Amino acid sequence: MPVVNTTVRQLCCQGCGATLPVTEGVRFVTCNYCEAHLEIVQDQATTHTRLLEGIEQRTKKIERDVEAIRIQGDLKQLDEAWAKYEARVDPRDERGRRAEPTGGLFGIGFVGLVIGIALCFTEVWWMGVPLALAAAWFMVKAFRWEMNRARIFQGMRLQYEMRRKMLLQQRSGGR
């Protein structure tokens, strides 16, 4: 069996100061006394140990920073998607008023109802009855459509707000 010529160096642990016998060629070592994880560093003039905990701490900080950036990106994406959805489903004019013609449709139905009732008291009363009924039906449909749209919109808003709140909690809990 050939004899291998290995050099053993005595290095100090950066965690507790204990003497560590280190065989040449070893790159990492764990201290038998304080269990510190060390890297063996060879400079031009010396060989010494460096604690890896600092590296681990920096790595963990980088992981937290990356997670915060991911959450911030998710928040931005969520807010942009909500803004697009809100603009499409609940459009507003520059003054913040509803831009959809729902109120106008209801108003047209109301005018038709008034005209239909007024016609009921004239010689063409027979035209007023179907006009009033059709206008009333039109108003009910417009009202029901608006209520359904508002209910769906509120449900989507609730989902958006819950998701946003969860992301904000993740972001604040991660730091």
N, C-alpha and C. Protein backbone atom coordinates (compact mmCIF):
# COMPACT_ATOMS: atom_id res chain seq x y z
N MET A 1 0.83 -1.17 0.00
CA MET A 1 0.00 0.00 0.00
C MET A 1 0.89 1.25 0.00
N PRO A 2 0.64 2.17 -0.97
CA PRO A 2 1.50 3.34 -1.07
C PRO A 2 1.22 4.32 0.08
N VAL A 3 2.21 5.00 0.52
CA VAL A 3 2.09 6.00 1.58
C VAL A 3 1.76 7.33 0.93
N VAL A 4 0.67 7.94 1.39
CA VAL A 4 0.25 9.23 0.85
C VAL A 4 0.81 10.30 1.77
N ASN A 5 1.48 11.25 1.17
CA ASN A 5 2.06 12.33 1.95
C ASN A 5 1.04 13.45 2.07
N THR A 6 0.40 13.56 3.24
CA THR A 6 -0.59 14.62 3.44
C THR A 6 -0.10 15.55 4.53
N THR A 7 -0.36 16.79 4.32
CA THR A 7 0.05 17.80 5.30
C THR A 7 -1.17 18.18 6.12
N VAL A 8 -0.99 18.18 7.43
CA VAL A 8 -2.06 18.61 8.33
C VAL A 8 -1.66 19.96 8.89
N ARG A 9 -2.57 20.92 8.77
CA ARG A 9 -2.31 22.27 9.28
C ARG A 9 -3.18 22.51 10.50
N GLN A 10 -2.70 23.32 11.37
CA GLN A 10 -3.46 23.72 12.55
C GLN A 10 -4.02 25.12 12.28
N LEU A 11 -5.35 25.20 12.19
CA LEU A 11 -6.01 26.48 11.96
C LEU A 11 -6.91 26.79 13.15
N CYS A 12 -7.28 28.03 13.29
CA CYS A 12 -8.17 28.43 14.38
C CYS A 12 -9.59 28.58 13.87
N CYS A 13 -10.53 28.15 14.69
CA CYS A 13 -11.95 28.31 14.38
C CYS A 13 -12.32 29.77 14.57
N GLN A 14 -12.99 30.34 13.60
CA GLN A 14 -13.43 31.74 13.69
C GLN A 14 -14.63 31.90 14.61
N GLY A 15 -15.25 30.78 14.96
CA GLY A 15 -16.41 30.84 15.86
C GLY A 15 -16.03 30.87 17.32
N CYS A 16 -15.12 29.93 17.72
CA CYS A 16 -14.78 29.83 19.15
C CYS A 16 -13.30 29.93 19.43
N GLY A 17 -12.45 29.92 18.41
CA GLY A 17 -11.02 30.04 18.61
C GLY A 17 -10.29 28.72 18.82
N ALA A 18 -11.01 27.61 18.80
CA ALA A 18 -10.39 26.31 19.01
C ALA A 18 -9.43 25.98 17.87
N THR A 19 -8.43 25.15 18.18
CA THR A 19 -7.48 24.71 17.17
C THR A 19 -8.12 23.59 16.36
N LEU A 20 -8.01 23.71 15.03
CA LEU A 20 -8.58 22.70 14.14
C LEU A 20 -7.47 22.07 13.31
N PRO A 21 -7.32 20.76 13.40
CA PRO A 21 -6.37 20.11 12.49
C PRO A 21 -7.06 19.92 11.13
N VAL A 22 -6.49 20.48 10.09
CA VAL A 22 -7.10 20.45 8.76
C VAL A 22 -6.12 19.82 7.78
N THR A 23 -6.59 18.81 7.08
CA THR A 23 -5.77 18.15 6.06
C THR A 23 -5.75 19.01 4.81
N GLU A 24 -4.60 19.03 4.16
CA GLU A 24 -4.45 19.82 2.94
C GLU A 24 -5.45 19.33 1.89
N GLY A 25 -6.06 20.26 1.18
CA GLY A 25 -7.02 19.92 0.13
C GLY A 25 -8.46 20.00 0.62
N VAL A 26 -8.66 20.08 1.93
CA VAL A 26 -10.02 20.20 2.47
C VAL A 26 -10.47 21.65 2.30
N ARG A 27 -11.68 21.83 1.81
CA ARG A 27 -12.17 23.19 1.56
C ARG A 27 -13.13 23.67 2.64
N PHE A 28 -13.90 22.74 3.22
CA PHE A 28 -14.87 23.10 4.25
C PHE A 28 -14.68 22.19 5.44
N VAL A 29 -14.95 22.72 6.63
CA VAL A 29 -14.80 21.94 7.86
C VAL A 29 -15.82 22.42 8.88
N THR A 30 -16.22 21.54 9.78
CA THR A 30 -17.11 21.90 10.87
C THR A 30 -16.33 21.76 12.17
N CYS A 31 -16.38 22.78 13.00
CA CYS A 31 -15.65 22.78 14.27
C CYS A 31 -16.25 21.72 15.20
N ASN A 32 -15.39 20.91 15.83
CA ASN A 32 -15.85 19.87 16.75
C ASN A 32 -16.37 20.45 18.05
N TYR A 33 -16.03 21.70 18.37
CA TYR A 33 -16.40 22.29 19.65
C TYR A 33 -17.68 23.12 19.56
N CYS A 34 -17.70 24.07 18.64
CA CYS A 34 -18.88 24.96 18.55
C CYS A 34 -19.77 24.65 17.35
N GLU A 35 -19.36 23.68 16.53
CA GLU A 35 -20.11 23.24 15.36
C GLU A 35 -20.31 24.34 14.32
N ALA A 36 -19.40 25.30 14.30
CA ALA A 36 -19.44 26.36 13.29
C ALA A 36 -19.04 25.76 11.94
N HIS A 37 -19.70 26.20 10.89
CA HIS A 37 -19.37 25.77 9.54
C HIS A 37 -18.35 26.76 8.98
N LEU A 38 -17.20 26.23 8.57
CA LEU A 38 -16.10 27.09 8.15
C LEU A 38 -15.63 26.75 6.75
N GLU A 39 -15.13 27.77 6.09
CA GLU A 39 -14.49 27.59 4.79
C GLU A 39 -12.99 27.81 4.99
N ILE A 40 -12.19 26.96 4.39
CA ILE A 40 -10.74 27.11 4.45
C ILE A 40 -10.34 28.02 3.29
N VAL A 41 -9.73 29.15 3.62
CA VAL A 41 -9.37 30.15 2.62
C VAL A 41 -7.85 30.21 2.55
N GLN A 42 -7.31 30.07 1.34
CA GLN A 42 -5.88 30.18 1.13
C GLN A 42 -5.59 31.44 0.33
N ASP A 43 -4.94 32.38 1.02
CA ASP A 43 -4.48 33.59 0.34
C ASP A 43 -3.04 33.34 -0.12
N GLN A 44 -2.41 34.33 -0.69
CA GLN A 44 -1.03 34.15 -1.13
C GLN A 44 -0.09 33.91 0.04
N ALA A 45 -0.36 34.56 1.15
CA ALA A 45 0.57 34.47 2.27
C ALA A 45 0.09 33.53 3.37
N THR A 46 -1.21 33.38 3.57
CA THR A 46 -1.71 32.62 4.72
C THR A 46 -2.85 31.68 4.33
N THR A 47 -3.15 30.81 5.27
CA THR A 47 -4.33 29.96 5.17
C THR A 47 -5.12 30.21 6.45
N HIS A 48 -6.40 30.48 6.32
CA HIS A 48 -7.22 30.76 7.50
C HIS A 48 -8.64 30.26 7.26
N THR A 49 -9.47 30.37 8.28
CA THR A 49 -10.86 29.93 8.17
C THR A 49 -11.77 31.16 8.09
N ARG A 50 -12.95 30.93 7.50
CA ARG A 50 -13.96 32.00 7.41
C ARG A 50 -15.30 31.36 7.76
N LEU A 51 -16.03 32.02 8.65
CA LEU A 51 -17.35 31.51 9.05
C LEU A 51 -18.31 31.53 7.87
N LEU A 52 -19.03 30.46 7.67
CA LEU A 52 -20.01 30.40 6.59
C LEU A 52 -21.37 30.96 7.02
N GLU A 53 -21.56 31.16 8.32
CA GLU A 53 -22.84 31.70 8.79
C GLU A 53 -23.13 33.06 8.17
N GLY A 54 -22.09 33.87 8.01
CA GLY A 54 -22.28 35.17 7.38
C GLY A 54 -22.79 35.00 5.96
N ILE A 55 -22.25 34.03 5.26
CA ILE A 55 -22.70 33.74 3.90
C ILE A 55 -24.13 33.24 3.94
N GLU A 56 -24.44 32.36 4.89
CA GLU A 56 -25.80 31.85 5.02
C GLU A 56 -26.78 32.97 5.33
N GLN A 57 -26.37 33.88 6.22
CA GLN A 57 -27.25 35.01 6.56
C GLN A 57 -27.49 35.90 5.34
N ARG A 58 -26.43 36.17 4.58
CA ARG A 58 -26.60 36.99 3.36
C ARG A 58 -27.49 36.27 2.35
N THR A 59 -27.30 34.95 2.25
CA THR A 59 -28.13 34.17 1.33
C THR A 59 -29.60 34.24 1.74
N LYS A 60 -29.86 34.12 3.03
CA LYS A 60 -31.24 34.21 3.51
C LYS A 60 -31.82 35.59 3.25
N LYS A 61 -31.00 36.64 3.44
CA LYS A 61 -31.48 37.99 3.16
C LYS A 61 -31.80 38.15 1.68
N ILE A 62 -30.94 37.60 0.83
CA ILE A 62 -31.19 37.67 -0.62
C ILE A 62 -32.48 36.93 -0.95
N GLU A 63 -32.70 35.77 -0.32
CA GLU A 63 -33.94 35.01 -0.56
C GLU A 63 -35.15 35.84 -0.15
N ARG A 64 -35.06 36.52 1.01
CA ARG A 64 -36.18 37.37 1.46
C ARG A 64 -36.41 38.53 0.49
N ASP A 65 -35.31 39.13 0.01
CA ASP A 65 -35.43 40.23 -0.94
C ASP A 65 -36.07 39.77 -2.25
N VAL A 66 -35.65 38.61 -2.73
CA VAL A 66 -36.23 38.07 -3.97
C VAL A 66 -37.72 37.79 -3.77
N GLU A 67 -38.08 37.24 -2.62
CA GLU A 67 -39.49 36.97 -2.33
C GLU A 67 -40.29 38.28 -2.27
N ALA A 68 -39.71 39.31 -1.66
CA ALA A 68 -40.38 40.62 -1.61
C ALA A 68 -40.58 41.19 -3.01
N ILE A 69 -39.58 41.03 -3.87
CA ILE A 69 -39.69 41.51 -5.25
C ILE A 69 -40.77 40.73 -5.99
N ARG A 70 -40.83 39.41 -5.77
CA ARG A 70 -41.86 38.59 -6.41
C ARG A 70 -43.25 39.03 -5.96
N ILE A 71 -43.40 39.26 -4.65
CA ILE A 71 -44.70 39.68 -4.12
C ILE A 71 -45.07 41.05 -4.68
N GLN A 72 -44.09 41.96 -4.76
CA GLN A 72 -44.35 43.29 -5.32
C GLN A 72 -44.80 43.18 -6.78
N GLY A 73 -44.17 42.27 -7.53
CA GLY A 73 -44.58 42.04 -8.91
C GLY A 73 -45.99 41.47 -8.99
N ASP A 74 -46.31 40.54 -8.08
CA ASP A 74 -47.67 39.98 -8.03
C ASP A 74 -48.69 41.07 -7.71
N LEU A 75 -48.34 41.97 -6.77
CA LEU A 75 -49.24 43.08 -6.43
C LEU A 75 -49.47 43.99 -7.64
N LYS A 76 -48.40 44.31 -8.33
CA LYS A 76 -48.52 45.18 -9.51
C LYS A 76 -49.39 44.52 -10.57
N GLN A 77 -49.15 43.24 -10.81
CA GLN A 77 -49.93 42.50 -11.81
C GLN A 77 -51.41 42.44 -11.40
N LEU A 78 -51.67 42.18 -10.13
CA LEU A 78 -53.04 42.12 -9.63
C LEU A 78 -53.73 43.47 -9.78
N ASP A 79 -53.05 44.55 -9.40
CA ASP A 79 -53.64 45.90 -9.51
C ASP A 79 -53.92 46.27 -10.96
N GLU A 80 -53.00 45.93 -11.86
CA GLU A 80 -53.22 46.23 -13.28
C GLU A 80 -54.39 45.44 -13.84
N ALA A 81 -54.49 44.17 -13.48
CA ALA A 81 -55.60 43.33 -13.95
C ALA A 81 -56.92 43.87 -13.42
N TRP A 82 -56.94 44.30 -12.15
CA TRP A 82 -58.17 44.84 -11.58
C TRP A 82 -58.56 46.14 -12.27
N ALA A 83 -57.58 47.00 -12.54
CA ALA A 83 -57.88 48.27 -13.20
C ALA A 83 -58.49 48.03 -14.58
N LYS A 84 -57.96 47.06 -15.32
CA LYS A 84 -58.52 46.74 -16.64
C LYS A 84 -59.94 46.20 -16.52
N TYR A 85 -60.15 45.29 -15.57
CA TYR A 85 -61.47 44.70 -15.36
C TYR A 85 -62.47 45.78 -14.95
N GLU A 86 -62.07 46.63 -14.01
CA GLU A 86 -62.96 47.68 -13.52
C GLU A 86 -63.31 48.66 -14.64
N ALA A 87 -62.35 49.02 -15.47
CA ALA A 87 -62.61 49.94 -16.58
C ALA A 87 -63.57 49.34 -17.59
N ARG A 88 -63.49 48.02 -17.76
CA ARG A 88 -64.36 47.36 -18.73
C ARG A 88 -65.77 47.14 -18.16
N VAL A 89 -65.86 46.74 -16.90
CA VAL A 89 -67.16 46.37 -16.32
C VAL A 89 -67.88 47.56 -15.69
N ASP A 90 -67.13 48.50 -15.14
CA ASP A 90 -67.74 49.65 -14.46
C ASP A 90 -67.10 50.94 -14.94
N PRO A 91 -67.24 51.26 -16.24
CA PRO A 91 -66.56 52.44 -16.77
C PRO A 91 -67.10 53.73 -16.17
N ARG A 92 -66.21 54.68 -16.00
CA ARG A 92 -66.55 56.00 -15.43
C ARG A 92 -66.06 57.09 -16.37
N ASP A 93 -66.77 58.23 -16.32
CA ASP A 93 -66.29 59.36 -17.12
C ASP A 93 -65.25 60.13 -16.29
N GLU A 94 -64.80 61.26 -16.82
CA GLU A 94 -63.75 62.02 -16.15
C GLU A 94 -64.18 62.58 -14.79
N ARG A 95 -65.48 62.67 -14.55
CA ARG A 95 -65.99 63.15 -13.25
C ARG A 95 -66.28 62.01 -12.28
N GLY A 96 -66.04 60.78 -12.70
CA GLY A 96 -66.28 59.64 -11.83
C GLY A 96 -67.69 59.09 -11.89
N ARG A 97 -68.50 59.60 -12.83
CA ARG A 97 -69.87 59.10 -12.98
C ARG A 97 -69.88 57.87 -13.88
N ARG A 98 -70.85 57.00 -13.65
CA ARG A 98 -70.98 55.80 -14.49
C ARG A 98 -71.13 56.21 -15.94
N ALA A 99 -70.38 55.60 -16.80
CA ALA A 99 -70.41 55.95 -18.22
C ALA A 99 -71.31 55.01 -19.02
N GLU A 100 -71.76 53.92 -18.38
CA GLU A 100 -72.63 52.99 -19.10
C GLU A 100 -74.04 53.56 -19.21
N PRO A 101 -74.78 53.13 -20.22
CA PRO A 101 -76.11 53.69 -20.46
C PRO A 101 -77.22 53.07 -19.61
N THR A 102 -76.88 52.40 -18.50
CA THR A 102 -77.92 51.72 -17.71
C THR A 102 -78.97 52.69 -17.24
N GLY A 103 -78.55 53.81 -16.67
CA GLY A 103 -79.51 54.82 -16.22
C GLY A 103 -80.31 55.35 -17.40
N GLY A 104 -79.67 55.50 -18.54
CA GLY A 104 -80.36 55.96 -19.74
C GLY A 104 -81.41 54.96 -20.19
N LEU A 105 -81.09 53.69 -20.15
CA LEU A 105 -82.05 52.66 -20.53
C LEU A 105 -83.26 52.67 -19.60
N PHE A 106 -82.99 52.83 -18.32
CA PHE A 106 -84.08 52.89 -17.35
C PHE A 106 -84.92 54.14 -17.61
N GLY A 107 -84.25 55.25 -17.92
CA GLY A 107 -84.96 56.51 -18.20
C GLY A 107 -85.84 56.41 -19.43
N ILE A 108 -85.34 55.74 -20.47
CA ILE A 108 -86.13 55.54 -21.69
C ILE A 108 -87.37 54.71 -21.37
N GLY A 109 -87.16 53.66 -20.55
CA GLY A 109 -88.30 52.83 -20.13
C GLY A 109 -89.31 53.65 -19.35
N PHE A 110 -88.83 54.54 -18.49
CA PHE A 110 -89.73 55.37 -17.69
C PHE A 110 -90.53 56.32 -18.58
N VAL A 111 -89.85 56.92 -19.56
CA VAL A 111 -90.55 57.82 -20.49
C VAL A 111 -91.61 57.04 -21.27
N GLY A 112 -91.26 55.83 -21.73
CA GLY A 112 -92.23 54.99 -22.44
C GLY A 112 -93.43 54.66 -21.55
N LEU A 113 -93.18 54.40 -20.27
CA LEU A 113 -94.26 54.09 -19.34
C LEU A 113 -95.19 55.30 -19.18
N VAL A 114 -94.61 56.47 -19.01
CA VAL A 114 -95.42 57.68 -18.86
C VAL A 114 -96.24 57.93 -20.12
N ILE A 115 -95.63 57.78 -21.29
CA ILE A 115 -96.37 57.99 -22.54
C ILE A 115 -97.47 56.94 -22.67
N GLY A 116 -97.15 55.69 -22.33
CA GLY A 116 -98.16 54.63 -22.41
C GLY A 116 -99.34 54.91 -21.49
N ILE A 117 -99.06 55.36 -20.27
CA ILE A 117 -100.16 55.68 -19.34
C ILE A 117 -100.95 56.87 -19.86
N ALA A 118 -100.25 57.86 -20.40
CA ALA A 118 -100.95 59.03 -20.94
C ALA A 118 -101.84 58.62 -22.11
N LEU A 119 -101.36 57.69 -22.96
CA LEU A 119 -102.17 57.24 -24.09
C LEU A 119 -103.42 56.49 -23.62
N CYS A 120 -103.35 55.88 -22.44
CA CYS A 120 -104.51 55.15 -21.92
C CYS A 120 -105.70 56.09 -21.68
N PHE A 121 -105.46 57.38 -21.52
CA PHE A 121 -106.53 58.33 -21.27
C PHE A 121 -106.91 59.10 -22.53
N THR A 122 -106.56 58.56 -23.69
CA THR A 122 -106.92 59.20 -24.96
C THR A 122 -107.76 58.24 -25.79
N GLU A 123 -108.10 58.66 -27.02
CA GLU A 123 -108.90 57.82 -27.90
C GLU A 123 -108.14 56.59 -28.37
N VAL A 124 -106.80 56.64 -28.34
CA VAL A 124 -106.00 55.48 -28.77
C VAL A 124 -105.48 54.75 -27.54
N TRP A 125 -106.39 54.55 -26.57
CA TRP A 125 -106.02 53.90 -25.31
C TRP A 125 -105.44 52.51 -25.52
N TRP A 126 -105.92 51.86 -26.58
CA TRP A 126 -105.48 50.50 -26.87
C TRP A 126 -104.00 50.44 -27.22
N MET A 127 -103.41 51.57 -27.67
CA MET A 127 -101.97 51.62 -27.94
C MET A 127 -101.18 51.88 -26.65
N GLY A 128 -101.80 52.56 -25.70
CA GLY A 128 -101.12 52.90 -24.44
C GLY A 128 -100.86 51.70 -23.55
N VAL A 129 -101.82 50.74 -23.55
CA VAL A 129 -101.67 49.58 -22.67
C VAL A 129 -100.43 48.75 -23.04
N PRO A 130 -100.28 48.32 -24.32
CA PRO A 130 -99.07 47.53 -24.62
C PRO A 130 -97.78 48.35 -24.47
N LEU A 131 -97.86 49.66 -24.80
CA LEU A 131 -96.67 50.49 -24.65
C LEU A 131 -96.28 50.60 -23.18
N ALA A 132 -97.24 50.81 -22.30
CA ALA A 132 -96.95 50.91 -20.86
C ALA A 132 -96.41 49.58 -20.33
N LEU A 133 -97.01 48.46 -20.78
CA LEU A 133 -96.54 47.15 -20.33
C LEU A 133 -95.12 46.87 -20.84
N ALA A 134 -94.87 47.17 -22.10
CA ALA A 134 -93.54 46.95 -22.66
C ALA A 134 -92.50 47.83 -21.97
N ALA A 135 -92.86 49.07 -21.70
CA ALA A 135 -91.94 49.99 -21.02
C ALA A 135 -91.66 49.52 -19.60
N ALA A 136 -92.71 49.05 -18.90
CA ALA A 136 -92.52 48.53 -17.54
C ALA A 136 -91.62 47.30 -17.57
N TRP A 137 -91.84 46.41 -18.55
CA TRP A 137 -90.99 45.23 -18.68
C TRP A 137 -89.54 45.64 -18.94
N PHE A 138 -89.37 46.64 -19.81
CA PHE A 138 -88.04 47.14 -20.15
C PHE A 138 -87.36 47.71 -18.90
N MET A 139 -88.08 48.44 -18.08
CA MET A 139 -87.51 49.02 -16.85
C MET A 139 -87.10 47.93 -15.87
N VAL A 140 -87.94 46.92 -15.72
CA VAL A 140 -87.63 45.81 -14.81
C VAL A 140 -86.38 45.09 -15.29
N LYS A 141 -86.31 44.84 -16.59
CA LYS A 141 -85.14 44.15 -17.15
C LYS A 141 -83.87 44.98 -16.93
N ALA A 142 -83.94 46.28 -17.18
CA ALA A 142 -82.78 47.15 -16.99
C ALA A 142 -82.36 47.17 -15.52
N PHE A 143 -83.34 47.23 -14.63
CA PHE A 143 -83.05 47.23 -13.20
C PHE A 143 -82.41 45.91 -12.77
N ARG A 144 -82.96 44.79 -13.22
CA ARG A 144 -82.42 43.48 -12.87
C ARG A 144 -81.01 43.29 -13.45
N TRP A 145 -80.81 43.75 -14.66
CA TRP A 145 -79.49 43.64 -15.27
C TRP A 145 -78.47 44.43 -14.45
N GLU A 146 -78.86 45.63 -14.06
CA GLU A 146 -77.95 46.46 -13.26
C GLU A 146 -77.66 45.82 -11.90
N MET A 147 -78.66 45.27 -11.25
CA MET A 147 -78.46 44.62 -9.95
C MET A 147 -77.53 43.41 -10.09
N ASN A 148 -77.73 42.63 -11.13
CA ASN A 148 -76.89 41.46 -11.36
C ASN A 148 -75.45 41.88 -11.65
N ARG A 149 -75.28 42.89 -12.48
CA ARG A 149 -73.95 43.41 -12.79
C ARG A 149 -73.26 43.92 -11.53
N ALA A 150 -73.99 44.64 -10.70
CA ALA A 150 -73.42 45.18 -9.46
C ALA A 150 -73.04 44.06 -8.50
N ARG A 151 -73.86 43.01 -8.42
CA ARG A 151 -73.56 41.88 -7.53
C ARG A 151 -72.29 41.16 -7.98
N ILE A 152 -72.17 40.91 -9.27
CA ILE A 152 -70.97 40.25 -9.80
C ILE A 152 -69.74 41.14 -9.60
N PHE A 153 -69.90 42.41 -9.85
CA PHE A 153 -68.79 43.35 -9.69
C PHE A 153 -68.32 43.38 -8.24
N GLN A 154 -69.26 43.42 -7.30
CA GLN A 154 -68.89 43.45 -5.88
C GLN A 154 -68.18 42.15 -5.47
N GLY A 155 -68.63 41.02 -6.01
CA GLY A 155 -67.97 39.75 -5.73
C GLY A 155 -66.53 39.74 -6.24
N MET A 156 -66.34 40.27 -7.43
CA MET A 156 -64.99 40.34 -7.99
C MET A 156 -64.12 41.31 -7.19
N ARG A 157 -64.71 42.41 -6.76
CA ARG A 157 -63.97 43.39 -5.94
C ARG A 157 -63.54 42.73 -4.63
N LEU A 158 -64.42 41.96 -4.02
CA LEU A 158 -64.09 41.27 -2.78
C LEU A 158 -62.93 40.30 -2.98
N GLN A 159 -62.96 39.54 -4.07
CA GLN A 159 -61.86 38.62 -4.36
C GLN A 159 -60.55 39.37 -4.57
N TYR A 160 -60.62 40.47 -5.30
CA TYR A 160 -59.43 41.29 -5.53
C TYR A 160 -58.87 41.81 -4.21
N GLU A 161 -59.74 42.37 -3.37
CA GLU A 161 -59.28 42.94 -2.10
C GLU A 161 -58.70 41.88 -1.17
N MET A 162 -59.29 40.68 -1.16
CA MET A 162 -58.77 39.60 -0.32
C MET A 162 -57.39 39.16 -0.80
N ARG A 163 -57.23 39.01 -2.10
CA ARG A 163 -55.93 38.60 -2.67
C ARG A 163 -54.88 39.66 -2.40
N ARG A 164 -55.27 40.92 -2.55
CA ARG A 164 -54.33 42.03 -2.31
C ARG A 164 -53.92 42.07 -0.84
N LYS A 165 -54.87 41.90 0.04
CA LYS A 165 -54.58 41.89 1.48
C LYS A 165 -53.62 40.74 1.83
N MET A 166 -53.84 39.56 1.22
CA MET A 166 -52.97 38.43 1.47
C MET A 166 -51.54 38.72 1.01
N LEU A 167 -51.40 39.32 -0.17
CA LEU A 167 -50.07 39.65 -0.68
C LEU A 167 -49.39 40.70 0.20
N LEU A 168 -50.14 41.69 0.68
CA LEU A 168 -49.56 42.70 1.56
C LEU A 168 -49.12 42.08 2.88
N GLN A 169 -49.88 41.13 3.39
CA GLN A 169 -49.49 40.44 4.63
C GLN A 169 -48.23 39.62 4.40
N GLN A 170 -48.14 38.96 3.25
CA GLN A 170 -46.93 38.20 2.92
C GLN A 170 -45.71 39.13 2.84
N ARG A 171 -45.92 40.28 2.23
CA ARG A 171 -44.82 41.22 2.06
C ARG A 171 -44.36 41.75 3.40
N SER A 172 -45.28 42.11 4.28
CA SER A 172 -44.88 42.66 5.58
C SER A 172 -44.37 41.56 6.52
N GLY A 173 -44.84 40.33 6.35
CA GLY A 173 -44.37 39.24 7.19
C GLY A 173 -43.01 38.73 6.77
N GLY A 174 -42.63 38.98 5.54
CA GLY A 174 -41.36 38.49 5.02
C GLY A 174 -40.18 39.35 5.43
N ARG A 175 -40.42 40.51 5.98
CA ARG A 175 -39.32 41.43 6.33
C ARG A 175 -39.10 41.48 7.81
